[in-house]
Amino acid sequence: MAESEAPQFGLDDDALWAHSTIYGPAAFAGKTVLISGGAGGIGRATAWLFGRCGAKLILAGRSETKLGSAVETMRAKGLDVTSHTVDIREPDSVAELYRRTSDEGGFDILINSAGGQFPQAAIDFSVKGWNTVVNTNLNGTWYMMQGAARAWRDQNRPGSITTIVVVTRQGLHGVAHTIAARSGVVGLTQALAVEWAPLRIRLNCIAPGVIETPGWRVYDPKALEAYPKSNPMMRNGSTWDVAEACGYLAGPGAEYVTGEVLNVAGGAQLWGETWTTGKPDYFKV
């Protein structure tokens, strides 16, 4: 199948630019938002939302090419956006990111959207595969959290951290490595919400359900066919659904909210199941 004939998943930049939002064009004016994983998927949608609502954007990620493309596209629409490369798995790389952002005036909001996983039966995980997912999704998220908190403490300014934890709801199968890592992030967020409250730092998580992103191209098409039936609403969500939730948790409407996990999953945390590797015959009834 030619690339042009391959299934296209998720919202493109034109759709993200034009999508309706509950927030006004100046809702985040005067705020600077740092988004890890900001060049793609949920992170890119979140960047569009904050940028359209007046925020200054700092996109961070591993690929300079992808970041550059995102910055160029957003600037063409008049958004105030810059970018920095970072490997969140490497503490020195994260420290360098925060040195640069501090020199540029700092930031007010951190959205942790960087992460990744691959569907595979847990019994077949290699040591390298397990460590890669856990190091990215748990350790990398921690490095970003701690670096942000230290920056805000040293600048005597409040801050808000929202982390996309993706898969900690019930009924997700075939990605046990990321469930372990992201569940750790939820526990970490709740612990830090208490420890860092005196620093005026709020921390919350968003647990998305089946959110259609360009990354779905690598998933088993047969598994994807069942995704809309994984929740009571019987449909997939969009990256914009998650972006709107990020706007709420990071904004003034949630100033008294910390340590929470907001499910954006069509009710999948209550009923349903998602098999990233396809449902085994054993469980079919």
C-alpha atoms as a PDB file:
ATOM      1  CA  MET A   1       0.000   0.000   0.000  1.00  0.00           C
ATOM      2  CA  ALA A   2       1.363   3.396  -0.976  1.00  0.00           C
ATOM      3  CA  GLU A   3       1.875   5.899   1.824  1.00  0.00           C
ATOM      4  CA  SER A   4      -0.858   8.111   0.380  1.00  0.00           C
ATOM      5  CA  GLU A   5      -3.257   5.145   0.541  1.00  0.00           C
ATOM      6  CA  ALA A   6      -2.391   4.223   4.124  1.00  0.00           C
ATOM      7  CA  PRO A   7      -5.022   4.990   6.787  1.00  0.00           C
ATOM      8  CA  GLN A   8      -4.669   8.492   8.214  1.00  0.00           C
ATOM      9  CA  PHE A   9      -5.239   8.796  11.944  1.00  0.00           C
ATOM     10  CA  GLY A  10      -5.705  11.837  14.130  1.00  0.00           C
ATOM     11  CA  LEU A  11      -6.285  15.535  13.490  1.00  0.00           C
ATOM     12  CA  ASP A  12      -3.943  17.415  11.170  1.00  0.00           C
ATOM     13  CA  ASP A  13      -2.678  20.951  11.757  1.00  0.00           C
ATOM     14  CA  ASP A  14      -5.490  22.546   9.767  1.00  0.00           C
ATOM     15  CA  ALA A  15      -8.048  20.782  11.932  1.00  0.00           C
ATOM     16  CA  LEU A  16      -6.215  21.712  15.138  1.00  0.00           C
ATOM     17  CA  TRP A  17      -6.064  25.345  14.043  1.00  0.00           C
ATOM     18  CA  ALA A  18      -9.779  25.488  13.285  1.00  0.00           C
ATOM     19  CA  HIS A  19     -11.205  23.248  16.016  1.00  0.00           C
ATOM     20  CA  SER A  20     -13.751  24.836  18.342  1.00  0.00           C
ATOM     21  CA  THR A  21     -12.700  25.432  21.943  1.00  0.00           C
ATOM     22  CA  ILE A  22     -14.354  26.612  25.131  1.00  0.00           C
ATOM     23  CA  TYR A  23     -11.390  28.913  25.840  1.00  0.00           C
ATOM     24  CA  GLY A  24     -11.121  32.486  24.598  1.00  0.00           C
ATOM     25  CA  PRO A  25      -8.237  33.821  22.501  1.00  0.00           C
ATOM     26  CA  ALA A  26      -6.650  35.481  25.546  1.00  0.00           C
ATOM     27  CA  ALA A  27      -7.360  32.742  28.104  1.00  0.00           C
ATOM     28  CA  PHE A  28      -3.643  32.013  28.566  1.00  0.00           C
ATOM     29  CA  ALA A  29      -2.199  35.381  27.609  1.00  0.00           C
ATOM     30  CA  GLY A  30       0.907  36.151  29.654  1.00  0.00           C
ATOM     31  CA  LYS A  31       1.584  32.473  30.329  1.00  0.00           C
ATOM     32  CA  THR A  32       4.432  30.369  28.972  1.00  0.00           C
ATOM     33  CA  VAL A  33       3.763  26.669  28.466  1.00  0.00           C
ATOM     34  CA  LEU A  34       6.487  24.025  28.127  1.00  0.00           C
ATOM     35  CA  ILE A  35       5.257  20.869  26.392  1.00  0.00           C
ATOM     36  CA  SER A  36       7.393  17.743  26.191  1.00  0.00           C
ATOM     37  CA  GLY A  37       6.509  15.644  23.176  1.00  0.00           C
ATOM     38  CA  GLY A  38       5.093  18.850  21.749  1.00  0.00           C
ATOM     39  CA  ALA A  39       5.753  18.060  18.089  1.00  0.00           C
ATOM     40  CA  GLY A  40       3.287  15.211  17.731  1.00  0.00           C
ATOM     41  CA  GLY A  41       0.049  13.581  18.827  1.00  0.00           C
ATOM     42  CA  ILE A  42      -1.489  14.822  22.052  1.00  0.00           C
ATOM     43  CA  GLY A  43       1.389  17.203  22.712  1.00  0.00           C
ATOM     44  CA  ARG A  44       0.968  18.920  19.356  1.00  0.00           C
ATOM     45  CA  ALA A  45      -2.793  19.319  19.832  1.00  0.00           C
ATOM     46  CA  THR A  46      -2.198  20.764  23.282  1.00  0.00           C
ATOM     47  CA  ALA A  47       0.324  23.210  21.858  1.00  0.00           C
ATOM     48  CA  TRP A  48      -2.205  24.412  19.294  1.00  0.00           C
ATOM     49  CA  LEU A  49      -4.821  24.967  21.988  1.00  0.00           C
ATOM     50  CA  PHE A  50      -2.582  26.950  24.331  1.00  0.00           C
ATOM     51  CA  GLY A  51      -1.033  28.888  21.462  1.00  0.00           C
ATOM     52  CA  ARG A  52      -4.401  29.843  20.010  1.00  0.00           C
ATOM     53  CA  CYS A  53      -5.410  31.030  23.475  1.00  0.00           C
ATOM     54  CA  GLY A  54      -2.529  33.487  23.792  1.00  0.00           C
ATOM     55  CA  ALA A  55       0.197  31.488  25.516  1.00  0.00           C
ATOM     56  CA  LYS A  56       3.851  31.521  24.573  1.00  0.00           C
ATOM     57  CA  LEU A  57       4.884  27.979  23.661  1.00  0.00           C
ATOM     58  CA  ILE A  58       8.087  26.056  24.220  1.00  0.00           C
ATOM     59  CA  LEU A  59       8.025  22.702  22.437  1.00  0.00           C
ATOM     60  CA  ALA A  60      10.494  20.046  23.575  1.00  0.00           C
ATOM     61  CA  GLY A  61      11.356  16.679  22.058  1.00  0.00           C
ATOM     62  CA  ARG A  62      14.103  14.488  20.692  1.00  0.00           C
ATOM     63  CA  SER A  63      13.734  15.230  16.987  1.00  0.00           C
ATOM     64  CA  GLU A  64      15.005  18.632  15.883  1.00  0.00           C
ATOM     65  CA  THR A  65      13.421  18.047  12.466  1.00  0.00           C
ATOM     66  CA  LYS A  66       9.941  17.388  13.883  1.00  0.00           C
ATOM     67  CA  LEU A  67      10.210  20.294  16.282  1.00  0.00           C
ATOM     68  CA  GLY A  68      11.315  22.618  13.513  1.00  0.00           C
ATOM     69  CA  SER A  69       8.398  21.597  11.323  1.00  0.00           C
ATOM     70  CA  ALA A  70       5.906  22.152  14.147  1.00  0.00           C
ATOM     71  CA  VAL A  71       7.368  25.554  14.999  1.00  0.00           C
ATOM     72  CA  GLU A  72       7.294  26.659  11.354  1.00  0.00           C
ATOM     73  CA  THR A  73       3.668  25.579  10.924  1.00  0.00           C
ATOM     74  CA  MET A  74       2.497  27.268  14.130  1.00  0.00           C
ATOM     75  CA  ARG A  75       4.405  30.473  13.501  1.00  0.00           C
ATOM     76  CA  ALA A  76       2.766  30.691  10.085  1.00  0.00           C
ATOM     77  CA  LYS A  77      -0.519  31.044  11.968  1.00  0.00           C
ATOM     78  CA  GLY A  78       0.884  33.738  14.226  1.00  0.00           C
ATOM     79  CA  LEU A  79       1.587  31.643  17.317  1.00  0.00           C
ATOM     80  CA  ASP A  80       4.455  32.605  19.639  1.00  0.00           C
ATOM     81  CA  VAL A  81       6.495  29.390  19.691  1.00  0.00           C
ATOM     82  CA  THR A  82      10.075  28.209  20.124  1.00  0.00           C
ATOM     83  CA  SER A  83      11.585  24.758  20.645  1.00  0.00           C
ATOM     84  CA  HIS A  84      14.447  22.909  22.306  1.00  0.00           C
ATOM     85  CA  THR A  85      15.653  19.363  21.851  1.00  0.00           C
ATOM     86  CA  VAL A  86      15.689  17.136  24.917  1.00  0.00           C
ATOM     87  CA  ASP A  87      15.974  13.460  25.753  1.00  0.00           C
ATOM     88  CA  ILE A  88      13.867  13.166  28.888  1.00  0.00           C
ATOM     89  CA  ARG A  89      15.555   9.855  29.721  1.00  0.00           C
ATOM     90  CA  GLU A  90      18.849  11.680  30.321  1.00  0.00           C
ATOM     91  CA  PRO A  91      19.053  13.884  33.447  1.00  0.00           C
ATOM     92  CA  ASP A  92      21.811  16.029  31.938  1.00  0.00           C
ATOM     93  CA  SER A  93      19.699  16.702  28.852  1.00  0.00           C
ATOM     94  CA  VAL A  94      16.738  17.716  31.014  1.00  0.00           C
ATOM     95  CA  ALA A  95      18.979  19.960  33.129  1.00  0.00           C
ATOM     96  CA  GLU A  96      20.236  21.677  29.979  1.00  0.00           C
ATOM     97  CA  LEU A  97      16.645  22.230  28.817  1.00  0.00           C
ATOM     98  CA  TYR A  98      15.829  23.983  32.073  1.00  0.00           C
ATOM     99  CA  ARG A  99      18.982  26.102  31.927  1.00  0.00           C
ATOM    100  CA  ARG A 100      17.899  27.330  28.513  1.00  0.00           C
ATOM    101  CA  THR A 101      14.297  28.019  29.477  1.00  0.00           C
ATOM    102  CA  SER A 102      15.416  29.881  32.604  1.00  0.00           C
ATOM    103  CA  ASP A 103      17.664  32.094  30.485  1.00  0.00           C
ATOM    104  CA  GLU A 104      14.618  32.833  28.307  1.00  0.00           C
ATOM    105  CA  GLY A 105      12.419  33.903  31.208  1.00  0.00           C
ATOM    106  CA  GLY A 106      11.119  30.564  32.457  1.00  0.00           C
ATOM    107  CA  PHE A 107       7.634  29.111  32.115  1.00  0.00           C
ATOM    108  CA  ASP A 108       4.430  28.762  34.095  1.00  0.00           C
ATOM    109  CA  ILE A 109       2.936  25.460  32.959  1.00  0.00           C
ATOM    110  CA  LEU A 110       4.501  22.089  32.173  1.00  0.00           C
ATOM    111  CA  ILE A 111       2.648  19.517  30.099  1.00  0.00           C
ATOM    112  CA  ASN A 112       4.352  16.133  30.200  1.00  0.00           C
ATOM    113  CA  SER A 113       3.238  14.513  26.950  1.00  0.00           C
ATOM    114  CA  ALA A 114       6.476  12.773  25.968  1.00  0.00           C
ATOM    115  CA  GLY A 115       6.434   9.002  26.264  1.00  0.00           C
ATOM    116  CA  GLY A 116       6.005   5.847  24.303  1.00  0.00           C
ATOM    117  CA  GLN A 117       5.296   2.141  24.329  1.00  0.00           C
ATOM    118  CA  PHE A 118       4.749  -0.761  21.976  1.00  0.00           C
ATOM    119  CA  PRO A 119       2.137  -3.518  22.089  1.00  0.00           C
ATOM    120  CA  GLN A 120       3.542  -6.928  22.977  1.00  0.00           C
ATOM    121  CA  ALA A 121       2.732  -9.851  25.237  1.00  0.00           C
ATOM    122  CA  ALA A 122       4.527  -9.243  28.527  1.00  0.00           C
ATOM    123  CA  ILE A 123       6.039 -12.710  28.528  1.00  0.00           C
ATOM    124  CA  ASP A 124       7.989 -11.712  25.420  1.00  0.00           C
ATOM    125  CA  PHE A 125       9.420  -8.406  26.719  1.00  0.00           C
ATOM    126  CA  SER A 126      13.168  -8.122  26.354  1.00  0.00           C
ATOM    127  CA  VAL A 127      15.207  -6.457  29.078  1.00  0.00           C
ATOM    128  CA  LYS A 128      15.955  -3.616  26.661  1.00  0.00           C
ATOM    129  CA  GLY A 129      12.292  -3.164  25.722  1.00  0.00           C
ATOM    130  CA  TRP A 130      11.155  -3.091  29.341  1.00  0.00           C
ATOM    131  CA  ASN A 131      13.875  -0.672  30.408  1.00  0.00           C
ATOM    132  CA  THR A 132      13.270   1.645  27.465  1.00  0.00           C
ATOM    133  CA  VAL A 133       9.573   2.067  28.242  1.00  0.00           C
ATOM    134  CA  VAL A 134      10.002   2.403  31.998  1.00  0.00           C
ATOM    135  CA  ASN A 135      12.953   4.767  31.657  1.00  0.00           C
ATOM    136  CA  THR A 136      11.027   7.020  29.277  1.00  0.00           C
ATOM    137  CA  ASN A 137       7.609   7.020  30.890  1.00  0.00           C
ATOM    138  CA  LEU A 138       8.542   6.955  34.576  1.00  0.00           C
ATOM    139  CA  ASN A 139      12.112   8.181  34.991  1.00  0.00           C
ATOM    140  CA  GLY A 140      11.883  10.742  32.209  1.00  0.00           C
ATOM    141  CA  THR A 141       8.661  12.146  33.601  1.00  0.00           C
ATOM    142  CA  TRP A 142      10.243  12.418  37.041  1.00  0.00           C
ATOM    143  CA  TYR A 143      13.263  14.299  35.697  1.00  0.00           C
ATOM    144  CA  MET A 144      10.926  16.774  33.998  1.00  0.00           C
ATOM    145  CA  MET A 145       8.840  17.211  37.161  1.00  0.00           C
ATOM    146  CA  GLN A 146      11.786  17.737  39.478  1.00  0.00           C
ATOM    147  CA  GLY A 147      13.521  20.134  37.100  1.00  0.00           C
ATOM    148  CA  ALA A 148      10.387  22.243  36.756  1.00  0.00           C
ATOM    149  CA  ALA A 149       9.825  22.351  40.514  1.00  0.00           C
ATOM    150  CA  ARG A 150      13.396  23.414  41.176  1.00  0.00           C
ATOM    151  CA  ALA A 151      13.141  26.164  38.584  1.00  0.00           C
ATOM    152  CA  TRP A 152       9.905  27.505  40.078  1.00  0.00           C
ATOM    153  CA  ARG A 153      11.283  27.274  43.626  1.00  0.00           C
ATOM    154  CA  ASP A 154      14.419  29.196  42.689  1.00  0.00           C
ATOM    155  CA  GLN A 155      12.351  31.858  40.878  1.00  0.00           C
ATOM    156  CA  ASN A 156       9.779  32.012  43.699  1.00  0.00           C
ATOM    157  CA  ARG A 157       6.904  31.508  41.269  1.00  0.00           C
ATOM    158  CA  PRO A 158       3.953  29.096  41.272  1.00  0.00           C
ATOM    159  CA  GLY A 159       3.586  26.364  38.702  1.00  0.00           C
ATOM    160  CA  SER A 160       1.304  23.698  37.288  1.00  0.00           C
ATOM    161  CA  ILE A 161       2.262  20.260  35.992  1.00  0.00           C
ATOM    162  CA  THR A 162      -0.134  18.112  33.973  1.00  0.00           C
ATOM    163  CA  THR A 163       1.061  14.667  32.922  1.00  0.00           C
ATOM    164  CA  ILE A 164      -0.529  12.479  30.256  1.00  0.00           C
ATOM    165  CA  VAL A 165      -0.484   9.019  31.809  1.00  0.00           C
ATOM    166  CA  VAL A 166      -2.342   7.335  28.950  1.00  0.00           C
ATOM    167  CA  VAL A 167      -3.067   3.891  30.241  1.00  0.00           C
ATOM    168  CA  THR A 168      -3.727   3.522  33.949  1.00  0.00           C
ATOM    169  CA  ARG A 169      -7.430   2.822  33.671  1.00  0.00           C
ATOM    170  CA  GLN A 170      -8.858  -0.704  33.903  1.00  0.00           C
ATOM    171  CA  GLY A 171      -9.119  -3.005  30.930  1.00  0.00           C
ATOM    172  CA  LEU A 172      -6.034  -2.169  28.853  1.00  0.00           C
ATOM    173  CA  HIS A 173      -3.993  -5.166  27.743  1.00  0.00           C
ATOM    174  CA  GLY A 174      -0.808  -5.800  25.802  1.00  0.00           C
ATOM    175  CA  VAL A 175       1.265  -2.928  27.196  1.00  0.00           C
ATOM    176  CA  ALA A 176       2.105  -4.067  30.734  1.00  0.00           C
ATOM    177  CA  HIS A 177       5.412  -2.184  30.720  1.00  0.00           C
ATOM    178  CA  THR A 178       3.759   1.201  30.268  1.00  0.00           C
ATOM    179  CA  ILE A 179       0.990   0.362  32.743  1.00  0.00           C
ATOM    180  CA  ALA A 180       3.700  -0.233  35.349  1.00  0.00           C
ATOM    181  CA  ALA A 181       5.469   3.014  34.470  1.00  0.00           C
ATOM    182  CA  ARG A 182       2.401   5.227  34.182  1.00  0.00           C
ATOM    183  CA  SER A 183       0.882   3.842  37.372  1.00  0.00           C
ATOM    184  CA  GLY A 184       4.122   4.883  39.045  1.00  0.00           C
ATOM    185  CA  VAL A 185       3.639   8.380  37.647  1.00  0.00           C
ATOM    186  CA  VAL A 186       0.158   8.569  39.163  1.00  0.00           C
ATOM    187  CA  GLY A 187       1.500   7.600  42.582  1.00  0.00           C
ATOM    188  CA  LEU A 188       4.367  10.045  42.193  1.00  0.00           C
ATOM    189  CA  THR A 189       1.992  12.843  41.230  1.00  0.00           C
ATOM    190  CA  GLN A 190      -0.156  12.260  44.292  1.00  0.00           C
ATOM    191  CA  ALA A 191       2.872  12.224  46.597  1.00  0.00           C
ATOM    192  CA  LEU A 192       4.313  15.389  45.071  1.00  0.00           C
ATOM    193  CA  ALA A 193       0.972  17.191  45.203  1.00  0.00           C
ATOM    194  CA  VAL A 194       1.355  17.092  48.979  1.00  0.00           C
ATOM    195  CA  GLU A 195       5.100  17.742  49.178  1.00  0.00           C
ATOM    196  CA  TRP A 196       5.087  20.628  46.726  1.00  0.00           C
ATOM    197  CA  ALA A 197       1.895  22.378  47.838  1.00  0.00           C
ATOM    198  CA  PRO A 198       3.952  24.776  50.019  1.00  0.00           C
ATOM    199  CA  LEU A 199       5.807  25.761  46.837  1.00  0.00           C
ATOM    200  CA  ARG A 200       2.464  26.648  45.169  1.00  0.00           C
ATOM    201  CA  ILE A 201       2.932  23.854  42.627  1.00  0.00           C
ATOM    202  CA  ARG A 202      -0.098  21.859  41.503  1.00  0.00           C
ATOM    203  CA  LEU A 203       0.259  18.449  39.863  1.00  0.00           C
ATOM    204  CA  ASN A 204      -2.430  16.456  38.064  1.00  0.00           C
ATOM    205  CA  CYS A 205      -2.710  13.643  35.539  1.00  0.00           C
ATOM    206  CA  ILE A 206      -4.890  12.963  32.538  1.00  0.00           C
ATOM    207  CA  ALA A 207      -5.686   9.338  31.698  1.00  0.00           C
ATOM    208  CA  PRO A 208      -6.870   9.220  28.085  1.00  0.00           C
ATOM    209  CA  GLY A 209      -8.803   6.353  26.598  1.00  0.00           C
ATOM    210  CA  VAL A 210      -8.530   5.323  22.948  1.00  0.00           C
ATOM    211  CA  ILE A 211      -7.322   8.608  21.497  1.00  0.00           C
ATOM    212  CA  GLU A 212      -6.739   8.549  17.751  1.00  0.00           C
ATOM    213  CA  THR A 213      -3.226   9.767  16.900  1.00  0.00           C
ATOM    214  CA  PRO A 214      -0.861   9.385  13.932  1.00  0.00           C
ATOM    215  CA  GLY A 215       1.002   6.787  16.007  1.00  0.00           C
ATOM    216  CA  TRP A 216      -1.841   4.344  15.390  1.00  0.00           C
ATOM    217  CA  ARG A 217      -0.310   3.556  11.982  1.00  0.00           C
ATOM    218  CA  VAL A 218       1.969   0.994  13.642  1.00  0.00           C
ATOM    219  CA  TYR A 219      -0.841  -0.848  15.435  1.00  0.00           C
ATOM    220  CA  ASP A 220      -2.570  -4.002  14.255  1.00  0.00           C
ATOM    221  CA  PRO A 221      -5.512  -2.911  12.043  1.00  0.00           C
ATOM    222  CA  LYS A 222      -7.649  -5.743  13.428  1.00  0.00           C
ATOM    223  CA  ALA A 223      -7.015  -4.554  16.984  1.00  0.00           C
ATOM    224  CA  LEU A 224      -7.907  -0.991  15.986  1.00  0.00           C
ATOM    225  CA  GLU A 225     -11.263  -2.134  14.604  1.00  0.00           C
ATOM    226  CA  ALA A 226     -12.347  -3.026  18.145  1.00  0.00           C
ATOM    227  CA  TYR A 227     -11.190   0.226  19.761  1.00  0.00           C
ATOM    228  CA  PRO A 228     -14.491   2.135  19.375  1.00  0.00           C
ATOM    229  CA  LYS A 229     -16.209  -0.596  21.395  1.00  0.00           C
ATOM    230  CA  SER A 230     -13.775  -0.243  24.300  1.00  0.00           C
ATOM    231  CA  ASN A 231     -15.901   2.262  26.215  1.00  0.00           C
ATOM    232  CA  PRO A 232     -19.578   3.022  26.958  1.00  0.00           C
ATOM    233  CA  MET A 233     -19.651   5.883  24.427  1.00  0.00           C
ATOM    234  CA  MET A 234     -18.637   3.419  21.698  1.00  0.00           C
ATOM    235  CA  ARG A 235     -16.237   5.738  19.907  1.00  0.00           C
ATOM    236  CA  ASN A 236     -12.627   6.873  19.776  1.00  0.00           C
ATOM    237  CA  GLY A 237     -11.555  10.174  21.263  1.00  0.00           C
ATOM    238  CA  SER A 238      -9.427  12.866  19.645  1.00  0.00           C
ATOM    239  CA  THR A 239      -6.249  14.611  20.702  1.00  0.00           C
ATOM    240  CA  TRP A 240      -8.313  17.785  21.033  1.00  0.00           C
ATOM    241  CA  ASP A 241     -10.376  16.147  23.779  1.00  0.00           C
ATOM    242  CA  VAL A 242      -7.186  15.739  25.793  1.00  0.00           C
ATOM    243  CA  ALA A 243      -5.938  19.222  24.932  1.00  0.00           C
ATOM    244  CA  GLU A 244      -9.138  20.764  26.312  1.00  0.00           C
ATOM    245  CA  ALA A 245      -8.626  18.806  29.542  1.00  0.00           C
ATOM    246  CA  CYS A 246      -5.050  20.108  29.759  1.00  0.00           C
ATOM    247  CA  GLY A 247      -6.433  23.624  29.438  1.00  0.00           C
ATOM    248  CA  TYR A 248      -8.762  23.026  32.367  1.00  0.00           C
ATOM    249  CA  LEU A 249      -6.191  21.494  34.723  1.00  0.00           C
ATOM    250  CA  ALA A 250      -3.527  24.077  33.911  1.00  0.00           C
ATOM    251  CA  GLY A 251      -5.883  27.044  33.973  1.00  0.00           C
ATOM    252  CA  PRO A 252      -7.513  29.205  36.643  1.00  0.00           C
ATOM    253  CA  GLY A 253     -10.626  27.020  36.720  1.00  0.00           C
ATOM    254  CA  ALA A 254      -8.602  24.302  38.475  1.00  0.00           C
ATOM    255  CA  GLU A 255      -6.627  26.435  40.921  1.00  0.00           C
ATOM    256  CA  TYR A 256      -8.020  24.364  43.810  1.00  0.00           C
ATOM    257  CA  VAL A 257      -7.353  21.014  42.109  1.00  0.00           C
ATOM    258  CA  THR A 258      -4.192  18.996  42.727  1.00  0.00           C
ATOM    259  CA  GLY A 259      -3.234  15.334  42.951  1.00  0.00           C
ATOM    260  CA  GLU A 260      -6.094  14.264  40.683  1.00  0.00           C
ATOM    261  CA  VAL A 261      -6.377  11.883  37.733  1.00  0.00           C
ATOM    262  CA  LEU A 262      -8.866  13.102  35.140  1.00  0.00           C
ATOM    263  CA  ASN A 263     -10.144  10.324  32.881  1.00  0.00           C
ATOM    264  CA  VAL A 264     -10.780  11.430  29.303  1.00  0.00           C
ATOM    265  CA  ALA A 265     -11.829   8.020  28.141  1.00  0.00           C
ATOM    266  CA  GLY A 266     -15.502   7.876  27.243  1.00  0.00           C
ATOM    267  CA  GLY A 267     -16.175   6.033  30.507  1.00  0.00           C
ATOM    268  CA  ALA A 268     -13.608   3.286  29.816  1.00  0.00           C
ATOM    269  CA  GLN A 269     -12.448   3.527  33.431  1.00  0.00           C
ATOM    270  CA  LEU A 270     -15.876   2.128  34.360  1.00  0.00           C
ATOM    271  CA  TRP A 271     -16.556  -0.406  31.628  1.00  0.00           C
ATOM    272  CA  GLY A 272     -14.776  -1.834  28.624  1.00  0.00           C
ATOM    273  CA  GLU A 273     -11.538  -3.394  27.507  1.00  0.00           C
ATOM    274  CA  THR A 274      -8.808  -2.510  25.026  1.00  0.00           C
ATOM    275  CA  TRP A 275      -6.597  -5.213  23.554  1.00  0.00           C
ATOM    276  CA  THR A 276      -3.639  -3.587  21.795  1.00  0.00           C
ATOM    277  CA  THR A 277      -2.448  -6.978  20.570  1.00  0.00           C
ATOM    278  CA  GLY A 278      -5.877  -8.348  19.653  1.00  0.00           C
ATOM    279  CA  LYS A 279      -8.218 -10.221  21.965  1.00  0.00           C
ATOM    280  CA  PRO A 280      -7.116 -13.833  22.615  1.00  0.00           C
ATOM    281  CA  ASP A 281      -9.626 -16.587  21.817  1.00  0.00           C
ATOM    282  CA  TYR A 282      -9.515 -17.597  25.502  1.00  0.00           C
ATOM    283  CA  PHE A 283     -11.310 -14.381  26.500  1.00  0.00           C
ATOM    284  CA  LYS A 284     -13.852 -14.305  23.698  1.00  0.00           C
ATOM    285  CA  VAL A 285     -17.378 -15.178  24.796  1.00  0.00           C
END
